[in-house]
Amino acid sequence: MALVLGGLAFRVPDERLHVAGVATVLSGILLLAIEVARTGVFLYQGAGVASLLKLALLGFGLAFPVARFELYLAATLVASVGSHMSGAWRHWSILDRKVLTPD
């Protein structure tokens, strides 16, 4: 993602960012699949919500190329906060309104 975001910032042609973009998408799908396979509650916990928000921002970046850099920058910020937030926030269940301890 750093290569894609940096490439967008320096106006690198999309063709040159293709491999980095595909690697970013594939690694993201793999990591999300691992988390969902481990526990389905991931999707409505803090970390899962952050992941879904990041995916939405990336999708909007594809749909609106003129705002792609800003949307990808926001996705990177969400991903950074999501991966470094405390365990209490990461495992907070939006549906259960409490922290669900990981298995």
Protein backbone atom coordinates (compact mmCIF):
# COMPACT_ATOMS: atom_id res chain seq x y z
CA MET A 1 0.00 0.00 0.00
CA ALA A 2 2.91 2.31 0.69
CA LEU A 3 4.10 1.85 -2.90
CA VAL A 4 0.64 2.58 -4.27
CA LEU A 5 0.10 5.63 -2.07
CA GLY A 6 3.58 6.98 -2.78
CA GLY A 7 3.11 6.33 -6.49
CA LEU A 8 -0.15 8.27 -6.47
CA ALA A 9 1.47 11.15 -4.58
CA PHE A 10 4.22 11.38 -7.21
CA ARG A 11 1.81 10.82 -10.12
CA VAL A 12 3.32 7.53 -11.24
CA PRO A 13 1.28 6.09 -14.14
CA ASP A 14 -1.33 3.53 -13.06
CA GLU A 15 0.28 0.83 -15.22
CA ARG A 16 3.45 1.00 -13.09
CA LEU A 17 1.42 0.64 -9.88
CA HIS A 18 -0.55 -2.39 -11.03
CA VAL A 19 1.63 -5.10 -9.44
CA ALA A 20 1.81 -3.26 -6.12
CA GLY A 21 -1.95 -2.72 -6.20
CA VAL A 22 -2.67 -6.39 -6.88
CA ALA A 23 -0.27 -7.45 -4.11
CA THR A 24 -2.00 -5.05 -1.72
CA VAL A 25 -5.45 -6.38 -2.57
CA LEU A 26 -4.44 -10.04 -2.37
CA SER A 27 -2.65 -9.66 0.96
CA GLY A 28 -5.60 -7.72 2.37
CA ILE A 29 -8.08 -10.39 1.26
CA LEU A 30 -5.89 -13.13 2.72
CA LEU A 31 -5.53 -11.38 6.09
CA LEU A 32 -9.27 -10.62 6.26
CA ALA A 33 -10.12 -14.24 5.36
CA ILE A 34 -7.83 -15.53 8.11
CA GLU A 35 -9.48 -13.30 10.70
CA VAL A 36 -13.01 -14.18 9.60
CA ALA A 37 -12.16 -17.91 9.51
CA ARG A 38 -10.70 -17.66 13.00
CA THR A 39 -13.79 -16.01 14.43
CA GLY A 40 -16.81 -14.62 12.63
CA VAL A 41 -17.30 -11.98 15.32
CA PHE A 42 -14.28 -10.16 13.90
CA LEU A 43 -16.50 -8.31 11.43
CA TYR A 44 -18.45 -6.48 14.15
CA GLN A 45 -15.55 -5.84 16.49
CA GLY A 46 -13.47 -2.66 16.41
CA ALA A 47 -10.70 -4.17 14.28
CA GLY A 48 -13.18 -5.67 11.83
CA VAL A 49 -15.11 -2.43 11.47
CA ALA A 50 -11.83 -0.63 10.78
CA SER A 51 -11.01 -3.24 8.11
CA LEU A 52 -14.41 -2.85 6.47
CA LEU A 53 -14.11 0.95 6.54
CA LYS A 54 -10.66 0.67 4.94
CA LEU A 55 -12.06 -1.58 2.20
CA ALA A 56 -14.90 0.87 1.58
CA LEU A 57 -12.44 3.76 1.23
CA LEU A 58 -10.32 1.72 -1.19
CA GLY A 59 -13.43 0.85 -3.20
CA PHE A 60 -14.44 4.51 -3.36
CA GLY A 61 -10.89 5.25 -4.57
CA LEU A 62 -11.43 2.93 -7.51
CA ALA A 63 -14.84 4.44 -8.24
CA PHE A 64 -13.65 8.06 -7.98
CA PRO A 65 -10.15 8.32 -9.51
CA VAL A 66 -9.94 12.10 -9.04
CA ALA A 67 -10.05 11.60 -5.25
CA ARG A 68 -8.06 8.36 -5.20
CA PHE A 69 -5.02 9.74 -3.38
CA GLU A 70 -7.12 11.31 -0.62
CA LEU A 71 -9.27 8.21 -0.20
CA TYR A 72 -6.25 5.90 -0.13
CA LEU A 73 -4.56 8.20 2.37
CA ALA A 74 -7.67 8.01 4.58
CA ALA A 75 -7.68 4.20 4.21
CA THR A 76 -4.03 4.10 5.28
CA LEU A 77 -4.83 6.23 8.32
CA VAL A 78 -7.76 3.96 9.27
CA ALA A 79 -5.56 0.88 8.82
CA SER A 80 -2.79 2.38 10.95
CA VAL A 81 -5.13 3.31 13.78
CA GLY A 82 -7.01 0.01 13.49
CA SER A 83 -3.90 -2.10 13.76
CA HIS A 84 -2.42 -0.16 16.67
CA MET A 85 -5.48 0.51 18.82
CA SER A 86 -5.63 -1.05 22.27
CA GLY A 87 -7.02 -4.54 22.71
CA ALA A 88 -10.11 -3.17 24.42
CA TRP A 89 -11.01 -1.14 21.34
CA ARG A 90 -9.87 -3.83 18.89
CA HIS A 91 -12.11 -6.46 20.52
CA TRP A 92 -15.05 -4.17 21.36
CA SER A 93 -18.19 -5.73 19.89
CA ILE A 94 -20.57 -3.22 18.37
CA LEU A 95 -23.46 -5.71 18.58
CA ASP A 96 -22.76 -7.00 22.10
CA ARG A 97 -21.60 -3.62 23.45
CA LYS A 98 -18.75 -5.19 25.38
CA VAL A 99 -15.23 -6.46 24.90
CA LEU A 100 -15.15 -10.01 23.58
CA THR A 101 -12.00 -11.77 24.69
CA PRO A 102 -10.11 -13.44 21.86
CA ASP A 103 -9.91 -17.25 21.85
